[in-house]
Structures are given as structure tokens and as C-alpha cells.
Amino acid sequence: MSTNKQQPVLPFWQVWNVSFGFLGVQFGFALQNANVSRVLSDLGADLHALSLFWLAAPVMGLLVQPIVGAASDRTWNRLGRRRPFILGGAIAAALGMLLMPNAPLFVSLMAPMLFGGLMLALMDGAFNVTMQPFRALVADMVPSEQRTLGYSIQSLLINIGAVFGSILPFLLTNVIGLDNASKVGEVAPSVTWAFYIGATILFVSVLWTVIRTKEYAPDEYAAYKGLDADALKKAQAPKPLMEKLKGFFALFPQMPTTMRQLAIVQFFSWFALFIMWVYTTPAITQYVWGVEAKWFDPDYLHSVGEIPAHIAQAKGAAGDWVGILFAGYSLFAAIFSVVLTRLARQFGRKAIYAFSLAAGGVGYMSFMLFQGGDATSVNLGVTQITVPSGALGLMLPMIGVGIAWAAILAMPYAILSDSLPADKMGVYMGIFNFTIAAPQIVSGLFAGWILHSVFDNQAINIIMLAGGAMLAGAVSVIFVKEPEASR
């Protein structure tokens, strides 16, 4: 039997608490995005193989999120519906973050590079276990009229976490004084300690959401969502594996039209993001700091025995600056998130979504404008450093990238959530993650080959390819049909 009951509008700070743990999750995710290519290169991965290691992220998302989404739809225990998965994922992610920079200590078990890749898979699997229920938790707890606000707050918190996660290794080097240069087969101390701190922040912030958010009981949830309470309870009963799989795959043909159309937009935007995360470090190390591609070749590195001090210093400085750039786009995304709801109401979600992706595409393509340059002193408040002028100029493209990132984190989910059935919100949000994972898998499989065979390992060129993909995503927004309730 179903009853309709008005879901209460939440106070601002309760909406904030629902998503607060995402700050820590993204803190860890930003550390990974800005530093894993650097860590894996230090541990022995060659340049065009980096994207293959990064495949761990989308593959784990592809496997984990639909399973977790379906499981969380059927779960109601003393801790709640989504919170058990959020907490469990946070514990596993923190463990991976503690172990990854210590890969050389496990050399008796396997090569450090392979151990690092395994920990990357663990972290990504755990991040996905945590992220998917967070998305669904907003849809569960926040009424329809507050959805854009809810996902905008989530985007804001994500980007606050990303700013500090991205910049942390730089701060540990330039404020605390930890060494940012690595020896062959080892990880720089500043990166190691950044991962330790990130693991702590991730766990504490997730614990805040788990403690401060009280999920609705099944009967109450059914009443707010207009569902049959008896059917909802029946859905929680254990089912044979084959029946679960049959039911899961039966959902694909029933996928809402809006979801299919958003999948095309997601393909282009996440194809571009994956390239940025994997190849920004080698791109600016080569293009701005002038380090030749051979210094990313493990065979060449072993042939010379020891990395010259000026090369190690340049690679370390470039790696730190990538953290600053990633913090920059996250900061711009956080600022844009504040006005995103208002802009979407005034101009429409689709218009703002398309504009944002176009801004990101232009940002990527403008990387070409900033090459090398004279040494320039930069006062960052907490410290003063000297970088090539091109490195400083790269902060301008980050404005466009940040605008795109804020929209990617909020707009698809705000548009999609009103087209999904409330009793299958978790599993459909998990299936929607296919539209995030699949383009990254395609990018991971082909980007390394493109870089090596087409661009002769000049990584700046593949950033241009990312710009073209993001512009294609902006165009494809035009063909998305919004549900009436989300306009």
C-alpha cells in the first residue's frame, strides 16, 4: 500500500551534513589524481603505460558502483540504508592511501610498480563504494525542489576537498620543508606524508556524515516517495544470484531517455577528464619545464643509473605545480558551484551545462599558449617560489576547467534524479556510473597508444585532444531532453 506524504524541506546545514563526507573523499581523490602518475613514474612505469595503470579507476567503478547501488537500495539496518557502504568504503580507501606510497617496502612480495597499481585499484574501488551511496543519499534525503541545491553543495564540498588535497604536497615541501624529489624506485617524502594526512581527513569527514545524518526508516521513506511500503520491504528479502543478475540487466532496456542522452555528454567529458588527470604532469614537465620525454622512459632511466639533480628537481617542481593547477581548477569550481543553482534557474540547466563544458574545452586547448618562459617569482601567501612564466600562465585555463568540473559534478545528477524511480535510485545511479567509467576505459586503452604513435610522446598534444572532446560534449548537451520536473 502506498501513501503520499510531503517530504520535508531540509535546513541548509542538514543538506550540508548529508554531503560533508564527500569533502574528505574528494580530498583523497584529488591527491590520487594529482600524484598517482608521478608516483607510478617514480616506481618505474613508462609514459605511454600510465593510462593502462589508470584503467584501475574506471574498471573498479564499472564493477563496484552498480553492485553497491543495488545493494544499498535493498539495505536498511541499524546504521541506515546508504551509510554502511559510505563508512566501509572510507575505511578501505584510507587503507589504500596509507599503503600506496610505501610500495618499495613490499618489494619481497611483488615489484613496487605493481604493488602501487594494486593499491590504486583498492583506492578506486573504495572511492566508488563511498561515492555512489553519497549520490543516492542526496536523492533520498533532499526533496525534489532542493535537488539542485543539494548537488551544488556536494559539488562545493567536493571542490573544497580537492583544493586542499591537490595543494598538500606543495605545502609540505615549501612550508614544512619536506623533500619533493624522488630517487629511482622510491616516492618523494612530501607525497608520502600527503597520502597519510589525506587518509586521516577522508575517514574523519565521512564519519561526520555518518554520525550527523539520520536516514529515513523504510515506511517513512515509502510515504515521502509515494512507494508501496510492503513492496519496498519485500524487495529487501534475499534473492538468488541469478535472479539478482536477471533483474539488474532487465533495467537497461527500461533506462529513461534522459539517462541515455546524458550518457553521450558524459562520454566526451569524462574522456577528456581522464586524459587531464593522467597526462597533465608529463605535459607541463615537458612543455613548460623543458624536460625531454626520454626522462619518462624507465629503460633510459636505468641505463643512466641516477637521475641528474637538475632533472629530478624539474620533475619535482613540475609535479608540485600540477597540484597547484589542480587546486586552482577545484577552487574555481567551488566558486562557480556557489552561483550554479542561481544560473541554472535563470538560464536553464542545459544552457549552463553546455556553456560550462565549452569553457573547459577552451581551457584545455589554451594550454598551448603557455610554453616555458622566464623564471618568475610567485608569492603564494604561505611561501614564495620561482617557476617559468608559462607555468604561472596555466592558471588561466584552469578557470575554464574549473567551470566545467563544477557542472560535471552537479548538472547531470540534478537533471537525471527527477527521471529515476525512487525505489531504484541507487541502482540506476550505479548504472549511470557506466557513463563515467566507459569513456575512461576507452581513453585508458587508446590514449597511451595515441600519445606514443601519433604524438611521439609529446604529452601537450594529447591535452589538445581532451579539449576537442570537451567541446563535443558541450554540443551534445543540446540533444538532452529534460524531465518536466527538473526544468
Protein backbone atom coordinates (compact mmCIF):
# COMPACT_ATOMS: atom_id res chain seq x y z
CA MET A 1 0.00 0.00 0.00
CA SER A 2 1.38 3.41 -0.93
CA THR A 3 0.67 6.76 0.65
CA ASN A 4 1.80 10.23 -0.41
CA LYS A 5 3.31 12.45 2.23
CA GLN A 6 5.16 15.71 1.61
CA GLN A 7 8.90 15.21 2.15
CA PRO A 8 10.16 17.94 4.48
CA VAL A 9 12.44 20.67 3.19
CA LEU A 10 15.78 20.35 4.99
CA PRO A 11 17.58 23.19 6.77
CA PHE A 12 20.70 24.32 4.91
CA TRP A 13 23.12 22.79 7.40
CA GLN A 14 21.40 19.43 7.25
CA VAL A 15 21.80 19.43 3.46
CA TRP A 16 25.45 20.34 4.14
CA ASN A 17 25.89 17.44 6.60
CA VAL A 18 24.45 14.94 4.12
CA SER A 19 27.32 15.66 1.73
CA PHE A 20 30.10 16.69 4.13
CA GLY A 21 31.91 13.36 3.91
CA PHE A 22 32.41 13.95 0.20
CA LEU A 23 34.91 16.67 1.17
CA GLY A 24 37.24 14.01 2.55
CA VAL A 25 36.55 11.54 -0.26
CA GLN A 26 37.48 14.17 -2.83
CA PHE A 27 40.50 15.21 -0.74
CA GLY A 28 41.80 11.69 -1.23
CA PHE A 29 40.65 11.52 -4.85
CA ALA A 30 42.44 14.81 -5.62
CA LEU A 31 45.66 13.52 -4.06
CA GLN A 32 45.35 10.50 -6.29
CA ASN A 33 44.58 12.49 -9.44
CA ALA A 34 47.44 14.95 -8.97
CA ASN A 35 50.08 12.48 -7.80
CA VAL A 36 49.48 8.91 -8.98
CA SER A 37 51.10 9.46 -12.39
CA ARG A 38 54.05 10.96 -10.55
CA VAL A 39 54.17 8.06 -8.06
CA LEU A 40 53.88 5.36 -10.73
CA SER A 41 56.55 7.05 -12.87
CA ASP A 42 58.85 7.16 -9.85
CA LEU A 43 58.15 3.46 -9.23
CA GLY A 44 59.05 2.54 -12.82
CA ALA A 45 56.04 2.96 -15.15
CA ASP A 46 56.85 4.34 -18.61
CA LEU A 47 54.96 7.26 -20.13
CA HIS A 48 52.60 5.53 -22.55
CA ALA A 49 51.79 2.80 -19.98
CA LEU A 50 50.46 5.29 -17.42
CA SER A 51 46.96 5.27 -18.89
CA LEU A 52 46.84 1.47 -18.56
CA PHE A 53 47.55 1.69 -14.83
CA TRP A 54 44.88 4.36 -14.54
CA LEU A 55 42.37 1.91 -16.00
CA ALA A 56 42.03 0.58 -12.47
CA ALA A 57 39.83 3.59 -11.65
CA PRO A 58 37.07 3.21 -14.25
CA VAL A 59 37.17 -0.60 -14.20
CA MET A 60 36.59 -0.60 -10.45
CA GLY A 61 33.82 1.95 -10.89
CA LEU A 62 32.21 -0.15 -13.59
CA LEU A 63 32.22 -3.24 -11.37
CA VAL A 64 31.58 -1.70 -7.97
CA GLN A 65 29.06 1.12 -8.32
CA PRO A 66 26.11 -0.82 -9.83
CA ILE A 67 26.60 -3.62 -7.27
CA VAL A 68 26.81 -1.18 -4.38
CA GLY A 69 23.88 0.82 -5.76
CA ALA A 70 21.66 -2.23 -5.98
CA ALA A 71 22.77 -3.47 -2.56
CA SER A 72 22.17 -0.11 -0.89
CA ASP A 73 18.67 0.07 -2.42
CA ARG A 74 17.85 -3.15 -0.55
CA THR A 75 19.67 -2.35 2.70
CA TRP A 76 18.08 -0.98 5.85
CA ASN A 77 19.86 -1.79 9.10
CA ARG A 78 20.68 -0.03 12.35
CA LEU A 79 23.20 2.22 10.59
CA GLY A 80 20.81 3.09 7.76
CA ARG A 81 20.49 2.47 4.04
CA ARG A 82 23.47 4.21 2.40
CA ARG A 83 25.66 4.92 5.43
CA PRO A 84 27.03 1.36 5.90
CA PHE A 85 28.53 1.49 2.40
CA ILE A 86 29.81 5.04 2.81
CA LEU A 87 31.65 4.13 6.01
CA GLY A 88 33.00 0.80 4.74
CA GLY A 89 34.33 2.39 1.56
CA ALA A 90 36.04 5.15 3.53
CA ILE A 91 37.90 2.64 5.71
CA ALA A 92 39.16 0.70 2.67
CA ALA A 93 40.16 3.90 0.81
CA ALA A 94 42.12 5.16 3.81
CA LEU A 95 43.98 1.84 3.98
CA GLY A 96 44.95 2.06 0.30
CA MET A 97 46.18 5.64 0.77
CA LEU A 98 48.37 4.58 3.68
CA LEU A 99 49.93 1.68 1.77
CA MET A 100 50.43 3.03 -1.77
CA PRO A 101 53.39 5.40 -1.15
CA ASN A 102 55.08 2.58 0.79
CA ALA A 103 55.15 0.26 -2.24
CA PRO A 104 59.00 -0.11 -2.11
CA LEU A 105 58.65 -1.77 1.32
CA PHE A 106 56.76 -4.68 -0.29
CA VAL A 107 59.42 -5.48 -2.87
CA SER A 108 59.74 -9.03 -1.46
CA LEU A 109 56.10 -9.68 -2.44
CA MET A 110 55.98 -8.01 -5.88
CA ALA A 111 57.53 -5.21 -7.91
CA PRO A 112 56.81 -1.82 -6.28
CA MET A 113 55.21 -0.57 -9.51
CA LEU A 114 52.73 -3.48 -9.48
CA PHE A 115 52.03 -3.03 -5.77
CA GLY A 116 51.37 0.66 -6.43
CA GLY A 117 48.94 -0.32 -9.20
CA LEU A 118 47.20 -2.75 -6.85
CA MET A 119 46.78 -0.05 -4.21
CA LEU A 120 45.45 2.29 -6.90
CA ALA A 121 42.80 -0.34 -7.68
CA LEU A 122 41.98 -0.70 -3.97
CA MET A 123 41.65 3.06 -3.54
CA ASP A 124 39.49 3.44 -6.60
CA GLY A 125 37.27 0.54 -5.68
CA ALA A 126 36.83 2.01 -2.20
CA PHE A 127 36.21 5.54 -3.52
CA ASN A 128 33.48 4.09 -5.73
CA VAL A 129 31.92 2.19 -2.82
CA THR A 130 31.74 5.52 -0.98
CA MET A 131 30.79 7.87 -3.82
CA GLN A 132 27.79 6.04 -5.25
CA PRO A 133 25.81 5.91 -1.96
CA PHE A 134 26.66 9.59 -1.39
CA ARG A 135 24.98 10.47 -4.70
CA ALA A 136 21.95 8.38 -3.80
CA LEU A 137 21.87 9.75 -0.23
CA VAL A 138 21.23 13.26 -1.58
CA ALA A 139 18.36 11.96 -3.73
CA ASP A 140 16.97 10.06 -0.72
CA MET A 141 17.17 12.84 1.84
CA VAL A 142 16.66 16.01 -0.20
CA PRO A 143 13.20 16.79 -1.69
CA SER A 144 12.90 17.47 -5.42
CA GLU A 145 12.76 21.25 -5.04
CA GLN A 146 16.14 21.21 -3.23
CA ARG A 147 17.92 18.79 -5.58
CA THR A 148 19.94 21.39 -7.48
CA LEU A 149 20.91 22.96 -4.14
CA GLY A 150 21.85 19.54 -2.75
CA TYR A 151 24.09 18.59 -5.64
CA SER A 152 25.56 22.11 -5.81
CA ILE A 153 26.54 21.87 -2.12
CA GLN A 154 28.01 18.46 -2.86
CA SER A 155 29.97 20.00 -5.74
CA LEU A 156 31.16 22.82 -3.47
CA LEU A 157 32.37 20.40 -0.78
CA ILE A 158 34.00 18.16 -3.39
CA ASN A 159 35.98 21.10 -4.70
CA ILE A 160 36.97 22.43 -1.29
CA GLY A 161 38.40 18.98 -0.58
CA ALA A 162 40.05 18.90 -3.98
CA VAL A 163 41.75 22.28 -3.47
CA PHE A 164 43.47 21.20 -0.28
CA GLY A 165 44.13 17.65 -1.48
CA SER A 166 45.79 18.91 -4.66
CA ILE A 167 47.95 21.53 -2.95
CA LEU A 168 49.03 19.46 0.05
CA PRO A 169 52.33 18.01 -1.35
CA PHE A 170 53.34 21.52 -2.43
CA LEU A 171 52.64 22.88 1.07
CA LEU A 172 54.57 20.06 2.71
CA THR A 173 57.57 20.90 0.54
CA ASN A 174 57.50 24.69 0.54
CA VAL A 175 56.12 25.37 4.02
CA ILE A 176 57.08 22.35 6.12
CA GLY A 177 60.32 21.64 4.23
CA LEU A 178 59.87 18.01 3.18
CA ASP A 179 61.83 16.86 0.12
CA ASN A 180 59.82 16.71 -3.14
CA ALA A 181 62.48 14.93 -5.22
CA SER A 182 62.46 11.14 -5.52
CA LYS A 183 65.15 8.58 -6.14
CA VAL A 184 64.71 5.84 -8.74
CA GLY A 185 62.13 3.35 -7.45
CA GLU A 186 61.04 5.48 -4.49
CA VAL A 187 58.32 8.03 -3.67
CA ALA A 188 59.12 11.59 -2.58
CA PRO A 189 58.66 12.16 1.19
CA SER A 190 56.28 15.09 0.60
CA VAL A 191 53.95 12.84 -1.42
CA THR A 192 54.14 10.03 1.16
CA TRP A 193 53.10 12.29 4.04
CA ALA A 194 50.39 13.90 1.92
CA PHE A 195 48.79 10.47 1.50
CA TYR A 196 48.97 9.84 5.27
CA ILE A 197 47.23 13.14 6.03
CA GLY A 198 44.69 12.58 3.27
CA ALA A 199 43.71 9.18 4.66
CA THR A 200 43.02 10.76 8.06
CA ILE A 201 40.93 13.61 6.67
CA LEU A 202 38.94 11.24 4.47
CA PHE A 203 37.96 8.99 7.37
CA VAL A 204 37.08 11.81 9.80
CA SER A 205 34.89 13.72 7.33
CA VAL A 206 32.97 10.60 6.28
CA LEU A 207 32.44 9.76 9.95
CA TRP A 208 30.89 13.23 10.37
CA THR A 209 28.22 12.49 7.73
CA VAL A 210 27.57 9.03 9.16
CA ILE A 211 27.03 10.44 12.65
CA ARG A 212 25.17 13.65 11.73
CA THR A 213 22.75 12.22 9.12
CA LYS A 214 19.76 10.15 10.14
CA GLU A 215 18.25 8.31 7.19
CA TYR A 216 14.52 7.77 6.86
CA ALA A 217 13.04 4.47 8.02
CA PRO A 218 11.52 2.30 5.24
CA ASP A 219 7.87 3.22 5.97
CA GLU A 220 8.72 6.91 6.20
CA TYR A 221 10.79 6.80 3.01
CA ALA A 222 7.99 4.99 1.15
CA ALA A 223 5.47 7.61 2.25
CA TYR A 224 7.68 10.52 1.11
CA LYS A 225 8.43 8.91 -2.26
CA GLY A 226 4.91 7.62 -2.96
CA LEU A 227 6.03 3.97 -2.88
CA ASP A 228 4.31 0.81 -1.70
CA ALA A 229 5.82 0.17 1.75
CA ASP A 230 5.08 -3.56 1.62
CA ALA A 231 6.69 -3.92 -1.79
CA LEU A 232 9.72 -1.97 -0.56
CA LYS A 233 10.15 -4.35 2.37
CA LYS A 234 9.71 -7.35 0.09
CA ALA A 235 12.49 -6.03 -2.17
CA GLN A 236 14.90 -6.29 0.77
CA ALA A 237 14.43 -10.06 1.01
CA PRO A 238 17.47 -12.12 -0.09
CA LYS A 239 17.33 -13.37 -3.68
CA PRO A 240 19.35 -15.97 -5.61
CA LEU A 241 22.31 -14.55 -7.54
CA MET A 242 20.88 -15.38 -10.96
CA GLU A 243 17.62 -13.66 -10.10
CA LYS A 244 19.54 -10.58 -8.99
CA LEU A 245 21.55 -10.52 -12.22
CA LYS A 246 18.44 -11.03 -14.34
CA GLY A 247 16.69 -8.17 -12.57
CA PHE A 248 19.75 -5.95 -12.89
CA PHE A 249 20.20 -6.41 -16.65
CA ALA A 250 16.45 -6.04 -17.18
CA LEU A 251 16.84 -2.42 -16.03
CA PHE A 252 18.95 -1.44 -19.05
CA PRO A 253 16.12 -1.53 -21.63
CA GLN A 254 13.99 0.44 -19.16
CA MET A 255 16.62 3.16 -18.82
CA PRO A 256 15.00 6.62 -19.03
CA THR A 257 15.57 8.52 -22.28
CA THR A 258 17.21 11.37 -20.39
CA MET A 259 19.77 8.95 -19.00
CA ARG A 260 20.65 7.66 -22.48
CA GLN A 261 21.11 11.18 -23.81
CA LEU A 262 23.23 12.25 -20.85
CA ALA A 263 25.43 9.21 -21.49
CA ILE A 264 26.68 10.80 -24.73
CA VAL A 265 27.59 14.01 -22.91
CA GLN A 266 29.30 12.01 -20.19
CA PHE A 267 31.37 10.08 -22.73
CA PHE A 268 33.02 13.18 -24.14
CA SER A 269 33.50 14.99 -20.83
CA TRP A 270 34.96 12.03 -18.91
CA PHE A 271 37.17 11.01 -21.87
CA ALA A 272 38.71 14.47 -21.56
CA LEU A 273 38.99 14.44 -17.76
CA PHE A 274 40.82 11.10 -17.78
CA ILE A 275 43.43 12.47 -20.19
CA MET A 276 43.93 15.52 -17.98
CA TRP A 277 44.46 13.51 -14.81
CA VAL A 278 46.89 11.09 -16.44
CA TYR A 279 48.93 13.40 -18.66
CA THR A 280 49.00 16.92 -17.19
CA THR A 281 52.14 16.13 -15.18
CA PRO A 282 54.24 14.89 -18.14
CA ALA A 283 52.69 17.56 -20.39
CA ILE A 284 53.81 20.54 -18.34
CA THR A 285 57.08 18.88 -17.29
CA GLN A 286 57.97 18.63 -20.99
CA TYR A 287 56.29 21.73 -22.38
CA VAL A 288 56.88 24.24 -19.59
CA TRP A 289 59.92 22.94 -17.70
CA GLY A 290 61.63 21.68 -20.87
CA VAL A 291 62.34 18.11 -19.66
CA GLU A 292 62.77 15.76 -22.61
CA ALA A 293 60.43 12.78 -22.99
CA LYS A 294 63.32 10.34 -22.54
CA TRP A 295 63.36 11.17 -18.82
CA PHE A 296 59.96 9.43 -18.55
CA ASP A 297 61.35 6.22 -20.10
CA PRO A 298 62.23 3.66 -17.37
CA ASP A 299 64.70 1.85 -19.64
CA TYR A 300 66.60 5.08 -20.22
CA LEU A 301 66.48 5.94 -16.52
CA HIS A 302 68.01 2.60 -15.59
CA SER A 303 70.65 2.99 -18.28
CA VAL A 304 71.90 6.25 -16.76
CA GLY A 305 71.78 4.80 -13.23
CA GLU A 306 70.95 8.06 -11.46
CA ILE A 307 68.70 10.97 -12.41
CA PRO A 308 70.71 14.22 -12.72
CA ALA A 309 69.88 16.63 -9.93
CA HIS A 310 68.51 19.32 -12.27
CA ILE A 311 66.16 16.82 -13.97
CA ALA A 312 64.91 15.43 -10.64
CA GLN A 313 64.41 18.98 -9.39
CA ALA A 314 62.49 20.00 -12.53
CA LYS A 315 60.25 16.93 -12.38
CA GLY A 316 59.57 17.51 -8.69
CA ALA A 317 58.80 21.19 -9.24
CA ALA A 318 56.50 20.40 -12.18
CA GLY A 319 54.73 17.70 -10.15
CA ASP A 320 54.16 20.17 -7.31
CA TRP A 321 52.86 22.77 -9.76
CA VAL A 322 50.34 20.28 -11.14
CA GLY A 323 48.98 20.13 -7.60
CA ILE A 324 48.69 23.93 -7.63
CA LEU A 325 46.93 23.86 -11.02
CA PHE A 326 44.53 21.14 -9.90
CA ALA A 327 43.87 23.09 -6.71
CA GLY A 328 43.23 26.10 -8.94
CA TYR A 329 40.58 24.41 -11.07
CA SER A 330 39.00 22.96 -7.94
CA LEU A 331 38.91 26.42 -6.35
CA PHE A 332 37.32 27.93 -9.46
CA ALA A 333 34.86 25.03 -9.47
CA ALA A 334 33.98 25.67 -5.82
CA ILE A 335 33.35 29.36 -6.59
CA PHE A 336 31.24 28.51 -9.63
CA SER A 337 29.29 25.96 -7.58
CA VAL A 338 28.08 28.80 -5.35
CA VAL A 339 26.31 30.51 -8.27
CA LEU A 340 25.48 27.37 -10.25
CA THR A 341 21.99 26.92 -8.80
CA ARG A 342 21.03 30.53 -9.47
CA LEU A 343 22.39 30.45 -13.03
CA ALA A 344 20.58 27.18 -13.75
CA ARG A 345 17.29 28.65 -12.56
CA GLN A 346 17.75 31.80 -14.62
CA PHE A 347 19.11 30.37 -17.89
CA GLY A 348 18.16 26.69 -17.66
CA ARG A 349 20.18 23.66 -16.73
CA LYS A 350 21.05 22.66 -20.28
CA ALA A 351 22.33 26.12 -21.25
CA ILE A 352 24.60 26.35 -18.21
CA TYR A 353 25.77 22.76 -18.65
CA ALA A 354 26.71 23.35 -22.31
CA PHE A 355 28.42 26.67 -21.52
CA SER A 356 30.44 25.05 -18.75
CA LEU A 357 31.72 22.18 -20.90
CA ALA A 358 32.63 24.63 -23.68
CA ALA A 359 34.62 26.68 -21.15
CA GLY A 360 36.50 23.51 -20.18
CA GLY A 361 37.27 22.67 -23.81
CA VAL A 362 38.67 26.14 -24.45
CA GLY A 363 40.70 25.83 -21.24
CA TYR A 364 42.38 22.61 -22.34
CA MET A 365 43.16 23.90 -25.81
CA SER A 366 44.72 27.09 -24.45
CA PHE A 367 47.47 25.06 -22.72
CA MET A 368 49.40 25.54 -25.97
CA LEU A 369 49.67 29.28 -25.28
CA PHE A 370 51.91 28.81 -22.25
CA GLN A 371 55.32 27.32 -23.01
CA GLY A 372 58.46 27.73 -20.95
CA GLY A 373 59.26 31.37 -20.31
CA ASP A 374 61.48 33.33 -17.97
CA ALA A 375 61.81 32.44 -14.30
CA THR A 376 59.07 34.28 -12.42
CA SER A 377 58.75 34.78 -8.68
CA VAL A 378 55.30 33.88 -7.32
CA ASN A 379 54.05 34.83 -3.86
CA LEU A 380 51.50 32.23 -2.75
CA GLY A 381 50.94 33.73 0.69
CA VAL A 382 52.37 30.80 2.63
CA THR A 383 55.57 30.77 0.57
CA GLN A 384 57.31 32.33 -2.40
CA ILE A 385 58.60 30.22 -5.28
CA THR A 386 60.13 30.67 -8.72
CA VAL A 387 58.58 28.98 -11.77
CA PRO A 388 58.67 29.52 -15.55
CA SER A 389 56.23 32.23 -16.63
CA GLY A 390 54.36 29.63 -18.69
CA ALA A 391 53.58 27.70 -15.51
CA LEU A 392 52.01 30.77 -13.96
CA GLY A 393 50.02 31.46 -17.14
CA LEU A 394 48.48 27.98 -17.00
CA MET A 395 46.30 29.15 -14.12
CA LEU A 396 44.11 30.97 -16.69
CA PRO A 397 42.99 27.76 -18.47
CA MET A 398 42.14 26.33 -15.07
CA ILE A 399 39.26 28.81 -14.82
CA GLY A 400 37.52 27.11 -17.74
CA VAL A 401 38.42 23.64 -16.50
CA GLY A 402 37.02 24.50 -13.06
CA ILE A 403 33.74 25.76 -14.51
CA ALA A 404 33.39 22.52 -16.47
CA TRP A 405 34.24 20.37 -13.44
CA ALA A 406 31.64 22.08 -11.23
CA ALA A 407 28.94 21.45 -13.82
CA ILE A 408 30.01 17.84 -14.43
CA LEU A 409 29.71 17.11 -10.71
CA ALA A 410 26.24 18.62 -10.34
CA MET A 411 24.22 19.10 -13.51
CA PRO A 412 23.92 15.51 -14.84
CA TYR A 413 22.74 14.27 -11.45
CA ALA A 414 20.34 17.16 -10.93
CA ILE A 415 18.84 16.55 -14.39
CA LEU A 416 18.81 12.79 -14.03
CA SER A 417 17.46 12.34 -10.49
CA ASP A 418 13.92 13.51 -11.35
CA SER A 419 13.67 10.96 -14.17
CA LEU A 420 14.51 7.94 -11.96
CA PRO A 421 12.10 5.78 -9.91
CA ALA A 422 12.70 6.39 -6.20
CA ASP A 423 12.80 2.67 -5.32
CA LYS A 424 15.62 2.10 -7.84
CA MET A 425 17.52 5.35 -7.30
CA GLY A 426 20.68 3.64 -6.05
CA VAL A 427 20.96 1.01 -8.76
CA TYR A 428 20.25 3.49 -11.55
CA MET A 429 22.82 5.90 -10.11
CA GLY A 430 25.20 2.94 -10.17
CA ILE A 431 24.32 2.12 -13.76
CA PHE A 432 24.81 5.79 -14.62
CA ASN A 433 28.38 5.35 -13.46
CA PHE A 434 28.86 3.25 -16.61
CA THR A 435 28.74 6.58 -18.43
CA ILE A 436 31.69 7.72 -16.32
CA ALA A 437 33.70 4.51 -16.37
CA ALA A 438 33.29 3.52 -20.03
CA PRO A 439 34.80 6.68 -21.55
CA GLN A 440 37.72 6.47 -19.13
CA ILE A 441 38.32 2.85 -20.13
CA VAL A 442 38.29 3.85 -23.81
CA SER A 443 40.64 6.72 -23.02
CA GLY A 444 42.92 4.46 -20.99
CA LEU A 445 43.13 1.82 -23.72
CA PHE A 446 43.84 4.22 -26.58
CA ALA A 447 45.35 7.40 -25.11
CA GLY A 448 48.75 5.82 -24.46
CA TRP A 449 48.88 4.43 -28.00
CA ILE A 450 47.84 7.80 -29.45
CA LEU A 451 50.48 9.59 -27.38
CA HIS A 452 53.22 7.20 -28.48
CA SER A 453 52.27 6.55 -32.12
CA VAL A 454 50.62 9.80 -33.18
CA PHE A 455 52.11 12.46 -30.91
CA ASP A 456 55.62 10.97 -30.46
CA ASN A 457 55.28 11.10 -26.65
CA GLN A 458 54.76 14.89 -26.68
CA ALA A 459 52.11 14.95 -23.98
CA ILE A 460 50.92 18.52 -24.61
CA ASN A 461 49.25 17.31 -27.83
CA ILE A 462 47.01 14.84 -26.05
CA ILE A 463 45.75 17.67 -23.82
CA MET A 464 44.59 19.32 -27.07
CA LEU A 465 42.68 16.13 -27.88
CA ALA A 466 40.98 16.40 -24.47
CA GLY A 467 39.91 19.95 -25.36
CA GLY A 468 38.25 18.76 -28.56
CA ALA A 469 36.39 16.03 -26.67
CA MET A 470 35.08 18.51 -24.09
CA LEU A 471 33.79 20.82 -26.84
CA ALA A 472 31.99 17.82 -28.40
CA GLY A 473 30.36 17.22 -25.02
CA ALA A 474 29.11 20.81 -24.95
CA VAL A 475 27.45 20.34 -28.34
CA SER A 476 25.83 17.05 -27.30
CA VAL A 477 24.05 18.73 -24.36
CA ILE A 478 21.74 20.32 -26.93
CA PHE A 479 20.16 16.91 -27.60
CA VAL A 480 19.34 16.11 -23.95
CA LYS A 481 15.62 16.23 -23.15
CA GLU A 482 14.99 17.21 -19.53
CA PRO A 483 12.15 15.70 -17.48
CA GLU A 484 9.41 18.23 -16.82
CA ALA A 485 10.02 18.14 -13.06
CA SER A 486 13.66 19.14 -13.42
CA ARG A 487 13.20 22.26 -15.51
